[in-house]
Amino acid sequence: TVLMTVLKVCGISDYKQFFLIVAAFQMWCMVYTFRRYSPNFWL
């Protein structure tokens, strides 16, 4: 709830924008770790 509140304060008003930000964060964490430690990023 705090996360949603902070994003609203920052000007995020539509839930799809919220979904995009969350999805970008989730995927960034995976890409960062997969890319660095996996011998086959695509796989």
ModelCIF file with pLDDT and N, C-alpha, C, O atoms, coordinates in Angstrom:
data_MODEL
#
_entry.id   MODEL 
#
_entity.id                         1 
_entity.type                       polymer 
_entity.pdbx_number_of_molecules   1 
#
_entity_poly.entity_id                      1 
_entity_poly.type                           'polypeptide(L)' 
_entity_poly.nstd_linkage                   no 
_entity_poly.nstd_monomer                   no 
_entity_poly.pdbx_seq_one_letter_code       TVLMTVLKVCGISDYKQFFLIVAAFQMWCMVYTFRRYSPNFWL 
_entity_poly.pdbx_seq_one_letter_code_can   TVLMTVLKVCGISDYKQFFLIVAAFQMWCMVYTFRRYSPNFWL 
_entity_poly.pdbx_strand_id                 A 
#
loop_
_entity_poly_seq.entity_id 
_entity_poly_seq.num 
_entity_poly_seq.mon_id 
_entity_poly_seq.hetero 
1 1  THR n 
1 2  VAL n 
1 3  LEU n 
1 4  MET n 
1 5  THR n 
1 6  VAL n 
1 7  LEU n 
1 8  LYS n 
1 9  VAL n 
1 10 CYS n 
1 11 GLY n 
1 12 ILE n 
1 13 SER n 
1 14 ASP n 
1 15 TYR n 
1 16 LYS n 
1 17 GLN n 
1 18 PHE n 
1 19 PHE n 
1 20 LEU n 
1 21 ILE n 
1 22 VAL n 
1 23 ALA n 
1 24 ALA n 
1 25 PHE n 
1 26 GLN n 
1 27 MET n 
1 28 TRP n 
1 29 CYS n 
1 30 MET n 
1 31 VAL n 
1 32 TYR n 
1 33 THR n 
1 34 PHE n 
1 35 ARG n 
1 36 ARG n 
1 37 TYR n 
1 38 SER n 
1 39 PRO n 
1 40 ASN n 
1 41 PHE n 
1 42 TRP n 
1 43 LEU n 
#
_struct_asym.id          A 
_struct_asym.entity_id   1 
#
loop_
_ma_qa_metric.id 
_ma_qa_metric.mode 
_ma_qa_metric.name 
_ma_qa_metric.software_group_id 
_ma_qa_metric.type 
1 global pLDDT . pLDDT 
2 local  pLDDT . pLDDT 
#
_ma_qa_metric_global.metric_id      1 
_ma_qa_metric_global.metric_value   95.19 
_ma_qa_metric_global.model_id       1 
_ma_qa_metric_global.ordinal_id     1 
#
loop_
_ma_qa_metric_local.label_asym_id 
_ma_qa_metric_local.label_comp_id 
_ma_qa_metric_local.label_seq_id 
_ma_qa_metric_local.metric_id 
_ma_qa_metric_local.metric_value 
_ma_qa_metric_local.model_id 
_ma_qa_metric_local.ordinal_id 
A THR 1  2 93.00 1 1  
A VAL 2  2 94.00 1 2  
A LEU 3  2 95.00 1 3  
A MET 4  2 95.00 1 4  
A THR 5  2 95.00 1 5  
A VAL 6  2 95.00 1 6  
A LEU 7  2 95.00 1 7  
A LYS 8  2 95.00 1 8  
A VAL 9  2 94.00 1 9  
A CYS 10 2 94.00 1 10 
A GLY 11 2 93.00 1 11 
A ILE 12 2 93.00 1 12 
A SER 13 2 89.00 1 13 
A ASP 14 2 92.00 1 14 
A TYR 15 2 93.00 1 15 
A LYS 16 2 93.00 1 16 
A GLN 17 2 95.00 1 17 
A PHE 18 2 96.00 1 18 
A PHE 19 2 96.00 1 19 
A LEU 20 2 96.00 1 20 
A ILE 21 2 97.00 1 21 
A VAL 22 2 97.00 1 22 
A ALA 23 2 97.00 1 23 
A ALA 24 2 97.00 1 24 
A PHE 25 2 98.00 1 25 
A GLN 26 2 98.00 1 26 
A MET 27 2 97.00 1 27 
A TRP 28 2 97.00 1 28 
A CYS 29 2 97.00 1 29 
A MET 30 2 97.00 1 30 
A VAL 31 2 97.00 1 31 
A TYR 32 2 96.00 1 32 
A THR 33 2 97.00 1 33 
A PHE 34 2 97.00 1 34 
A ARG 35 2 96.00 1 35 
A ARG 36 2 94.00 1 36 
A TYR 37 2 95.00 1 37 
A SER 38 2 94.00 1 38 
A PRO 39 2 92.00 1 39 
A ASN 40 2 94.00 1 40 
A PHE 41 2 96.00 1 41 
A TRP 42 2 96.00 1 42 
A LEU 43 2 96.00 1 43 
#
loop_
_atom_site.group_PDB 
_atom_site.id 
_atom_site.type_symbol 
_atom_site.label_atom_id 
_atom_site.label_alt_id 
_atom_site.label_comp_id 
_atom_site.label_asym_id 
_atom_site.label_entity_id 
_atom_site.label_seq_id 
_atom_site.pdbx_PDB_ins_code 
_atom_site.Cartn_x 
_atom_site.Cartn_y 
_atom_site.Cartn_z 
_atom_site.occupancy 
_atom_site.B_iso_or_equiv 
_atom_site.pdbx_formal_charge 
_atom_site.auth_seq_id 
_atom_site.auth_comp_id 
_atom_site.auth_asym_id 
_atom_site.auth_atom_id 
_atom_site.pdbx_PDB_model_num 
ATOM 1   N N  . THR A 1 1  ? 0.834  -1.204  0.000   1.00 93.00 ? 1  THR A N  1 
ATOM 2   C CA . THR A 1 1  ? 0.000  0.000   0.000   1.00 93.00 ? 1  THR A CA 1 
ATOM 3   C C  . THR A 1 1  ? 0.865  1.248   0.000   1.00 93.00 ? 1  THR A C  1 
ATOM 4   O O  . THR A 1 1  ? 0.545  2.224   -0.678  1.00 93.00 ? 1  THR A O  1 
ATOM 5   N N  . VAL A 1 2  ? 1.955  1.228   0.751   1.00 94.00 ? 2  VAL A N  1 
ATOM 6   C CA . VAL A 1 2  ? 2.892  2.365   0.762   1.00 94.00 ? 2  VAL A CA 1 
ATOM 7   C C  . VAL A 1 2  ? 3.461  2.580   -0.634  1.00 94.00 ? 2  VAL A C  1 
ATOM 8   O O  . VAL A 1 2  ? 3.574  3.717   -1.092  1.00 94.00 ? 2  VAL A O  1 
ATOM 9   N N  . LEU A 1 3  ? 3.818  1.494   -1.309  1.00 95.00 ? 3  LEU A N  1 
ATOM 10  C CA . LEU A 1 3  ? 4.352  1.596   -2.668  1.00 95.00 ? 3  LEU A CA 1 
ATOM 11  C C  . LEU A 1 3  ? 3.348  2.263   -3.592  1.00 95.00 ? 3  LEU A C  1 
ATOM 12  O O  . LEU A 1 3  ? 3.705  3.173   -4.340  1.00 95.00 ? 3  LEU A O  1 
ATOM 13  N N  . MET A 1 4  ? 2.094  1.823   -3.550  1.00 95.00 ? 4  MET A N  1 
ATOM 14  C CA . MET A 1 4  ? 1.070  2.431   -4.411  1.00 95.00 ? 4  MET A CA 1 
ATOM 15  C C  . MET A 1 4  ? 0.874  3.901   -4.071  1.00 95.00 ? 4  MET A C  1 
ATOM 16  O O  . MET A 1 4  ? 0.688  4.725   -4.967  1.00 95.00 ? 4  MET A O  1 
ATOM 17  N N  . THR A 1 5  ? 0.915  4.241   -2.776  1.00 95.00 ? 5  THR A N  1 
ATOM 18  C CA . THR A 1 5  ? 0.752  5.632   -2.361  1.00 95.00 ? 5  THR A CA 1 
ATOM 19  C C  . THR A 1 5  ? 1.889  6.503   -2.886  1.00 95.00 ? 5  THR A C  1 
ATOM 20  O O  . THR A 1 5  ? 1.646  7.592   -3.407  1.00 95.00 ? 5  THR A O  1 
ATOM 21  N N  . VAL A 1 6  ? 3.113  6.038   -2.753  1.00 95.00 ? 6  VAL A N  1 
ATOM 22  C CA . VAL A 1 6  ? 4.275  6.793   -3.230  1.00 95.00 ? 6  VAL A CA 1 
ATOM 23  C C  . VAL A 1 6  ? 4.189  7.012   -4.734  1.00 95.00 ? 6  VAL A C  1 
ATOM 24  O O  . VAL A 1 6  ? 4.482  8.105   -5.219  1.00 95.00 ? 6  VAL A O  1 
ATOM 25  N N  . LEU A 1 7  ? 3.790  5.987   -5.475  1.00 95.00 ? 7  LEU A N  1 
ATOM 26  C CA . LEU A 1 7  ? 3.669  6.135   -6.927  1.00 95.00 ? 7  LEU A CA 1 
ATOM 27  C C  . LEU A 1 7  ? 2.575  7.121   -7.298  1.00 95.00 ? 7  LEU A C  1 
ATOM 28  O O  . LEU A 1 7  ? 2.716  7.876   -8.259  1.00 95.00 ? 7  LEU A O  1 
ATOM 29  N N  . LYS A 1 8  ? 1.491  7.119   -6.545  1.00 95.00 ? 8  LYS A N  1 
ATOM 30  C CA . LYS A 1 8  ? 0.435  8.104   -6.804  1.00 95.00 ? 8  LYS A CA 1 
ATOM 31  C C  . LYS A 1 8  ? 0.929  9.519   -6.551  1.00 95.00 ? 8  LYS A C  1 
ATOM 32  O O  . LYS A 1 8  ? 0.619  10.440  -7.307  1.00 95.00 ? 8  LYS A O  1 
ATOM 33  N N  . VAL A 1 9  ? 1.698  9.683   -5.483  1.00 94.00 ? 9  VAL A N  1 
ATOM 34  C CA . VAL A 1 9  ? 2.263  10.999  -5.174  1.00 94.00 ? 9  VAL A CA 1 
ATOM 35  C C  . VAL A 1 9  ? 3.191  11.465  -6.295  1.00 94.00 ? 9  VAL A C  1 
ATOM 36  O O  . VAL A 1 9  ? 3.284  12.658  -6.585  1.00 94.00 ? 9  VAL A O  1 
ATOM 37  N N  . CYS A 1 10 ? 3.877  10.503  -6.921  1.00 94.00 ? 10 CYS A N  1 
ATOM 38  C CA . CYS A 1 10 ? 4.803  10.818  -8.016  1.00 94.00 ? 10 CYS A CA 1 
ATOM 39  C C  . CYS A 1 10 ? 4.096  11.055  -9.348  1.00 94.00 ? 10 CYS A C  1 
ATOM 40  O O  . CYS A 1 10 ? 4.750  11.283  -10.366 1.00 94.00 ? 10 CYS A O  1 
ATOM 41  N N  . GLY A 1 11 ? 2.767  11.003  -9.344  1.00 93.00 ? 11 GLY A N  1 
ATOM 42  C CA . GLY A 1 11 ? 2.014  11.318  -10.552 1.00 93.00 ? 11 GLY A CA 1 
ATOM 43  C C  . GLY A 1 11 ? 1.463  10.140  -11.313 1.00 93.00 ? 11 GLY A C  1 
ATOM 44  O O  . GLY A 1 11 ? 0.887  10.322  -12.385 1.00 93.00 ? 11 GLY A O  1 
ATOM 45  N N  . ILE A 1 12 ? 1.623  8.915   -10.790 1.00 93.00 ? 12 ILE A N  1 
ATOM 46  C CA . ILE A 1 12 ? 1.071  7.731   -11.447 1.00 93.00 ? 12 ILE A CA 1 
ATOM 47  C C  . ILE A 1 12 ? -0.398 7.610   -11.055 1.00 93.00 ? 12 ILE A C  1 
ATOM 48  O O  . ILE A 1 12 ? -0.715 7.309   -9.905  1.00 93.00 ? 12 ILE A O  1 
ATOM 49  N N  . SER A 1 13 ? -1.280 7.841   -12.001 1.00 89.00 ? 13 SER A N  1 
ATOM 50  C CA . SER A 1 13 ? -2.710 7.875   -11.686 1.00 89.00 ? 13 SER A CA 1 
ATOM 51  C C  . SER A 1 13 ? -3.504 6.715   -12.268 1.00 89.00 ? 13 SER A C  1 
ATOM 52  O O  . SER A 1 13 ? -4.605 6.417   -11.805 1.00 89.00 ? 13 SER A O  1 
ATOM 53  N N  . ASP A 1 14 ? -2.949 6.060   -13.282 1.00 92.00 ? 14 ASP A N  1 
ATOM 54  C CA . ASP A 1 14 ? -3.662 4.975   -13.954 1.00 92.00 ? 14 ASP A CA 1 
ATOM 55  C C  . ASP A 1 14 ? -3.074 3.634   -13.531 1.00 92.00 ? 14 ASP A C  1 
ATOM 56  O O  . ASP A 1 14 ? -1.857 3.507   -13.399 1.00 92.00 ? 14 ASP A O  1 
ATOM 57  N N  . TYR A 1 15 ? -3.928 2.631   -13.317 1.00 93.00 ? 15 TYR A N  1 
ATOM 58  C CA . TYR A 1 15 ? -3.432 1.349   -12.836 1.00 93.00 ? 15 TYR A CA 1 
ATOM 59  C C  . TYR A 1 15 ? -2.529 0.659   -13.850 1.00 93.00 ? 15 TYR A C  1 
ATOM 60  O O  . TYR A 1 15 ? -1.669 -0.132  -13.465 1.00 93.00 ? 15 TYR A O  1 
ATOM 61  N N  . LYS A 1 16 ? -2.707 0.940   -15.139 1.00 93.00 ? 16 LYS A N  1 
ATOM 62  C CA . LYS A 1 16 ? -1.839 0.334   -16.147 1.00 93.00 ? 16 LYS A CA 1 
ATOM 63  C C  . LYS A 1 16 ? -0.414 0.879   -16.047 1.00 93.00 ? 16 LYS A C  1 
ATOM 64  O O  . LYS A 1 16 ? 0.555  0.154   -16.273 1.00 93.00 ? 16 LYS A O  1 
ATOM 65  N N  . GLN A 1 17 ? -0.300 2.160   -15.707 1.00 95.00 ? 17 GLN A N  1 
ATOM 66  C CA . GLN A 1 17 ? 1.026  2.716   -15.463 1.00 95.00 ? 17 GLN A CA 1 
ATOM 67  C C  . GLN A 1 17 ? 1.675  2.030   -14.264 1.00 95.00 ? 17 GLN A C  1 
ATOM 68  O O  . GLN A 1 17 ? 2.873  1.746   -14.262 1.00 95.00 ? 17 GLN A O  1 
ATOM 69  N N  . PHE A 1 18 ? 0.863  1.774   -13.255 1.00 96.00 ? 18 PHE A N  1 
ATOM 70  C CA . PHE A 1 18 ? 1.349  1.059   -12.071 1.00 96.00 ? 18 PHE A CA 1 
ATOM 71  C C  . PHE A 1 18 ? 1.810  -0.343  -12.440 1.00 96.00 ? 18 PHE A C  1 
ATOM 72  O O  . PHE A 1 18 ? 2.874  -0.787  -12.009 1.00 96.00 ? 18 PHE A O  1 
ATOM 73  N N  . PHE A 1 19 ? 1.000  -1.042  -13.244 1.00 96.00 ? 19 PHE A N  1 
ATOM 74  C CA . PHE A 1 19 ? 1.383  -2.380  -13.687 1.00 96.00 ? 19 PHE A CA 1 
ATOM 75  C C  . PHE A 1 19 ? 2.700  -2.354  -14.472 1.00 96.00 ? 19 PHE A C  1 
ATOM 76  O O  . PHE A 1 19 ? 3.544  -3.234  -14.308 1.00 96.00 ? 19 PHE A O  1 
ATOM 77  N N  . LEU A 1 20 ? 2.867  -1.332  -15.330 1.00 96.00 ? 20 LEU A N  1 
ATOM 78  C CA . LEU A 1 20 ? 4.081  -1.224  -16.129 1.00 96.00 ? 20 LEU A CA 1 
ATOM 79  C C  . LEU A 1 20 ? 5.316  -1.038  -15.253 1.00 96.00 ? 20 LEU A C  1 
ATOM 80  O O  . LEU A 1 20 ? 6.347  -1.671  -15.480 1.00 96.00 ? 20 LEU A O  1 
ATOM 81  N N  . ILE A 1 21 ? 5.207  -0.177  -14.263 1.00 97.00 ? 21 ILE A N  1 
ATOM 82  C CA . ILE A 1 21 ? 6.341  0.092   -13.378 1.00 97.00 ? 21 ILE A CA 1 
ATOM 83  C C  . ILE A 1 21 ? 6.718  -1.166  -12.600 1.00 97.00 ? 21 ILE A C  1 
ATOM 84  O O  . ILE A 1 21 ? 7.895  -1.505  -12.479 1.00 97.00 ? 21 ILE A O  1 
ATOM 85  N N  . VAL A 1 22 ? 5.705  -1.851  -12.076 1.00 97.00 ? 22 VAL A N  1 
ATOM 86  C CA . VAL A 1 22 ? 5.965  -3.072  -11.319 1.00 97.00 ? 22 VAL A CA 1 
ATOM 87  C C  . VAL A 1 22 ? 6.588  -4.136  -12.229 1.00 97.00 ? 22 VAL A C  1 
ATOM 88  O O  . VAL A 1 22 ? 7.557  -4.790  -11.845 1.00 97.00 ? 22 VAL A O  1 
ATOM 89  N N  . ALA A 1 23 ? 6.032  -4.309  -13.432 1.00 97.00 ? 23 ALA A N  1 
ATOM 90  C CA . ALA A 1 23 ? 6.553  -5.310  -14.371 1.00 97.00 ? 23 ALA A CA 1 
ATOM 91  C C  . ALA A 1 23 ? 7.990  -4.984  -14.767 1.00 97.00 ? 23 ALA A C  1 
ATOM 92  O O  . ALA A 1 23 ? 8.823  -5.884  -14.880 1.00 97.00 ? 23 ALA A O  1 
ATOM 93  N N  . ALA A 1 24 ? 8.285  -3.692  -14.979 1.00 97.00 ? 24 ALA A N  1 
ATOM 94  C CA . ALA A 1 24 ? 9.643  -3.288  -15.351 1.00 97.00 ? 24 ALA A CA 1 
ATOM 95  C C  . ALA A 1 24 ? 10.623 -3.600  -14.219 1.00 97.00 ? 24 ALA A C  1 
ATOM 96  O O  . ALA A 1 24 ? 11.739 -4.055  -14.467 1.00 97.00 ? 24 ALA A O  1 
ATOM 97  N N  . PHE A 1 25 ? 10.205 -3.356  -12.985 1.00 98.00 ? 25 PHE A N  1 
ATOM 98  C CA . PHE A 1 25 ? 11.072 -3.657  -11.846 1.00 98.00 ? 25 PHE A CA 1 
ATOM 99  C C  . PHE A 1 25 ? 11.305 -5.160  -11.714 1.00 98.00 ? 25 PHE A C  1 
ATOM 100 O O  . PHE A 1 25 ? 12.435 -5.609  -11.526 1.00 98.00 ? 25 PHE A O  1 
ATOM 101 N N  . GLN A 1 26 ? 10.232 -5.924  -11.813 1.00 98.00 ? 26 GLN A N  1 
ATOM 102 C CA . GLN A 1 26 ? 10.364 -7.377  -11.695 1.00 98.00 ? 26 GLN A CA 1 
ATOM 103 C C  . GLN A 1 26 ? 11.291 -7.931  -12.772 1.00 98.00 ? 26 GLN A C  1 
ATOM 104 O O  . GLN A 1 26 ? 12.186 -8.725  -12.483 1.00 98.00 ? 26 GLN A O  1 
ATOM 105 N N  . MET A 1 27 ? 11.069 -7.507  -14.011 1.00 97.00 ? 27 MET A N  1 
ATOM 106 C CA . MET A 1 27 ? 11.878 -8.030  -15.103 1.00 97.00 ? 27 MET A CA 1 
ATOM 107 C C  . MET A 1 27 ? 13.324 -7.544  -15.014 1.00 97.00 ? 27 MET A C  1 
ATOM 108 O O  . MET A 1 27 ? 14.245 -8.274  -15.380 1.00 97.00 ? 27 MET A O  1 
ATOM 109 N N  . TRP A 1 28 ? 13.529 -6.329  -14.535 1.00 97.00 ? 28 TRP A N  1 
ATOM 110 C CA . TRP A 1 28 ? 14.888 -5.829  -14.390 1.00 97.00 ? 28 TRP A CA 1 
ATOM 111 C C  . TRP A 1 28 ? 15.675 -6.689  -13.403 1.00 97.00 ? 28 TRP A C  1 
ATOM 112 O O  . TRP A 1 28 ? 16.839 -7.007  -13.647 1.00 97.00 ? 28 TRP A O  1 
ATOM 113 N N  . CYS A 1 29 ? 15.050 -7.063  -12.298 1.00 97.00 ? 29 CYS A N  1 
ATOM 114 C CA . CYS A 1 29 ? 15.714 -7.912  -11.310 1.00 97.00 ? 29 CYS A CA 1 
ATOM 115 C C  . CYS A 1 29 ? 16.108 -9.247  -11.926 1.00 97.00 ? 29 CYS A C  1 
ATOM 116 O O  . CYS A 1 29 ? 17.204 -9.751  -11.678 1.00 97.00 ? 29 CYS A O  1 
ATOM 117 N N  . MET A 1 30 ? 15.210 -9.822  -12.734 1.00 97.00 ? 30 MET A N  1 
ATOM 118 C CA . MET A 1 30 ? 15.522 -11.103 -13.368 1.00 97.00 ? 30 MET A CA 1 
ATOM 119 C C  . MET A 1 30 ? 16.588 -10.955 -14.437 1.00 97.00 ? 30 MET A C  1 
ATOM 120 O O  . MET A 1 30 ? 17.514 -11.764 -14.510 1.00 97.00 ? 30 MET A O  1 
ATOM 121 N N  . VAL A 1 31 ? 16.465 -9.927  -15.267 1.00 97.00 ? 31 VAL A N  1 
ATOM 122 C CA . VAL A 1 31 ? 17.452 -9.722  -16.327 1.00 97.00 ? 31 VAL A CA 1 
ATOM 123 C C  . VAL A 1 31 ? 18.830 -9.479  -15.718 1.00 97.00 ? 31 VAL A C  1 
ATOM 124 O O  . VAL A 1 31 ? 19.827 -10.019 -16.197 1.00 97.00 ? 31 VAL A O  1 
ATOM 125 N N  . TYR A 1 32 ? 18.884 -8.672  -14.670 1.00 96.00 ? 32 TYR A N  1 
ATOM 126 C CA . TYR A 1 32 ? 20.163 -8.370  -14.026 1.00 96.00 ? 32 TYR A CA 1 
ATOM 127 C C  . TYR A 1 32 ? 20.840 -9.651  -13.541 1.00 96.00 ? 32 TYR A C  1 
ATOM 128 O O  . TYR A 1 32 ? 22.034 -9.848  -13.768 1.00 96.00 ? 32 TYR A O  1 
ATOM 129 N N  . THR A 1 33 ? 20.084 -10.513 -12.879 1.00 97.00 ? 33 THR A N  1 
ATOM 130 C CA . THR A 1 33 ? 20.668 -11.730 -12.309 1.00 97.00 ? 33 THR A CA 1 
ATOM 131 C C  . THR A 1 33 ? 20.903 -12.799 -13.370 1.00 97.00 ? 33 THR A C  1 
ATOM 132 O O  . THR A 1 33 ? 21.958 -13.433 -13.383 1.00 97.00 ? 33 THR A O  1 
ATOM 133 N N  . PHE A 1 34 ? 19.931 -13.007 -14.262 1.00 97.00 ? 34 PHE A N  1 
ATOM 134 C CA . PHE A 1 34 ? 20.114 -14.001 -15.327 1.00 97.00 ? 34 PHE A CA 1 
ATOM 135 C C  . PHE A 1 34 ? 21.293 -13.627 -16.226 1.00 97.00 ? 34 PHE A C  1 
ATOM 136 O O  . PHE A 1 34 ? 22.131 -14.465 -16.558 1.00 97.00 ? 34 PHE A O  1 
ATOM 137 N N  . ARG A 1 35 ? 21.337 -12.360 -16.609 1.00 96.00 ? 35 ARG A N  1 
ATOM 138 C CA . ARG A 1 35 ? 22.381 -11.930 -17.536 1.00 96.00 ? 35 ARG A CA 1 
ATOM 139 C C  . ARG A 1 35 ? 23.774 -12.111 -16.930 1.00 96.00 ? 35 ARG A C  1 
ATOM 140 O O  . ARG A 1 35 ? 24.715 -12.481 -17.632 1.00 96.00 ? 35 ARG A O  1 
ATOM 141 N N  . ARG A 1 36 ? 23.901 -11.856 -15.653 1.00 94.00 ? 36 ARG A N  1 
ATOM 142 C CA . ARG A 1 36 ? 25.218 -11.914 -15.019 1.00 94.00 ? 36 ARG A CA 1 
ATOM 143 C C  . ARG A 1 36 ? 25.652 -13.342 -14.686 1.00 94.00 ? 36 ARG A C  1 
ATOM 144 O O  . ARG A 1 36 ? 26.825 -13.686 -14.830 1.00 94.00 ? 36 ARG A O  1 
ATOM 145 N N  . TYR A 1 37 ? 24.713 -14.165 -14.244 1.00 95.00 ? 37 TYR A N  1 
ATOM 146 C CA . TYR A 1 37 ? 25.120 -15.464 -13.701 1.00 95.00 ? 37 TYR A CA 1 
ATOM 147 C C  . TYR A 1 37 ? 24.719 -16.666 -14.543 1.00 95.00 ? 37 TYR A C  1 
ATOM 148 O O  . TYR A 1 37 ? 25.240 -17.761 -14.329 1.00 95.00 ? 37 TYR A O  1 
ATOM 149 N N  . SER A 1 38 ? 23.805 -16.491 -15.497 1.00 94.00 ? 38 SER A N  1 
ATOM 150 C CA . SER A 1 38 ? 23.409 -17.635 -16.318 1.00 94.00 ? 38 SER A CA 1 
ATOM 151 C C  . SER A 1 38 ? 24.354 -17.786 -17.507 1.00 94.00 ? 38 SER A C  1 
ATOM 152 O O  . SER A 1 38 ? 24.698 -16.791 -18.145 1.00 94.00 ? 38 SER A O  1 
ATOM 153 N N  . PRO A 1 39 ? 24.773 -18.996 -17.812 1.00 92.00 ? 39 PRO A N  1 
ATOM 154 C CA . PRO A 1 39 ? 25.616 -19.216 -18.994 1.00 92.00 ? 39 PRO A CA 1 
ATOM 155 C C  . PRO A 1 39 ? 24.830 -19.117 -20.300 1.00 92.00 ? 39 PRO A C  1 
ATOM 156 O O  . PRO A 1 39 ? 25.421 -19.049 -21.378 1.00 92.00 ? 39 PRO A O  1 
ATOM 157 N N  . ASN A 1 40 ? 23.499 -19.109 -20.206 1.00 94.00 ? 40 ASN A N  1 
ATOM 158 C CA . ASN A 1 40 ? 22.648 -19.032 -21.393 1.00 94.00 ? 40 ASN A CA 1 
ATOM 159 C C  . ASN A 1 40 ? 21.432 -18.174 -21.059 1.00 94.00 ? 40 ASN A C  1 
ATOM 160 O O  . ASN A 1 40 ? 20.394 -18.680 -20.630 1.00 94.00 ? 40 ASN A O  1 
ATOM 161 N N  . PHE A 1 41 ? 21.582 -16.869 -21.263 1.00 96.00 ? 41 PHE A N  1 
ATOM 162 C CA . PHE A 1 41 ? 20.530 -15.919 -20.885 1.00 96.00 ? 41 PHE A CA 1 
ATOM 163 C C  . PHE A 1 41 ? 19.214 -16.232 -21.604 1.00 96.00 ? 41 PHE A C  1 
ATOM 164 O O  . PHE A 1 41 ? 18.148 -16.206 -20.989 1.00 96.00 ? 41 PHE A O  1 
ATOM 165 N N  . TRP A 1 42 ? 19.292 -16.527 -22.899 1.00 96.00 ? 42 TRP A N  1 
ATOM 166 C CA . TRP A 1 42 ? 18.061 -16.798 -23.647 1.00 96.00 ? 42 TRP A CA 1 
ATOM 167 C C  . TRP A 1 42 ? 17.322 -17.991 -23.064 1.00 96.00 ? 42 TRP A C  1 
ATOM 168 O O  . TRP A 1 42 ? 16.104 -17.943 -22.891 1.00 96.00 ? 42 TRP A O  1 
ATOM 169 N N  . LEU A 1 43 ? 18.044 -19.055 -22.762 1.00 96.00 ? 43 LEU A N  1 
ATOM 170 C CA . LEU A 1 43 ? 17.401 -20.258 -22.252 1.00 96.00 ? 43 LEU A CA 1 
ATOM 171 C C  . LEU A 1 43 ? 16.786 -20.012 -20.878 1.00 96.00 ? 43 LEU A C  1 
ATOM 172 O O  . LEU A 1 43 ? 16.198 -20.922 -20.293 1.00 96.00 ? 43 LEU A O  1 
#
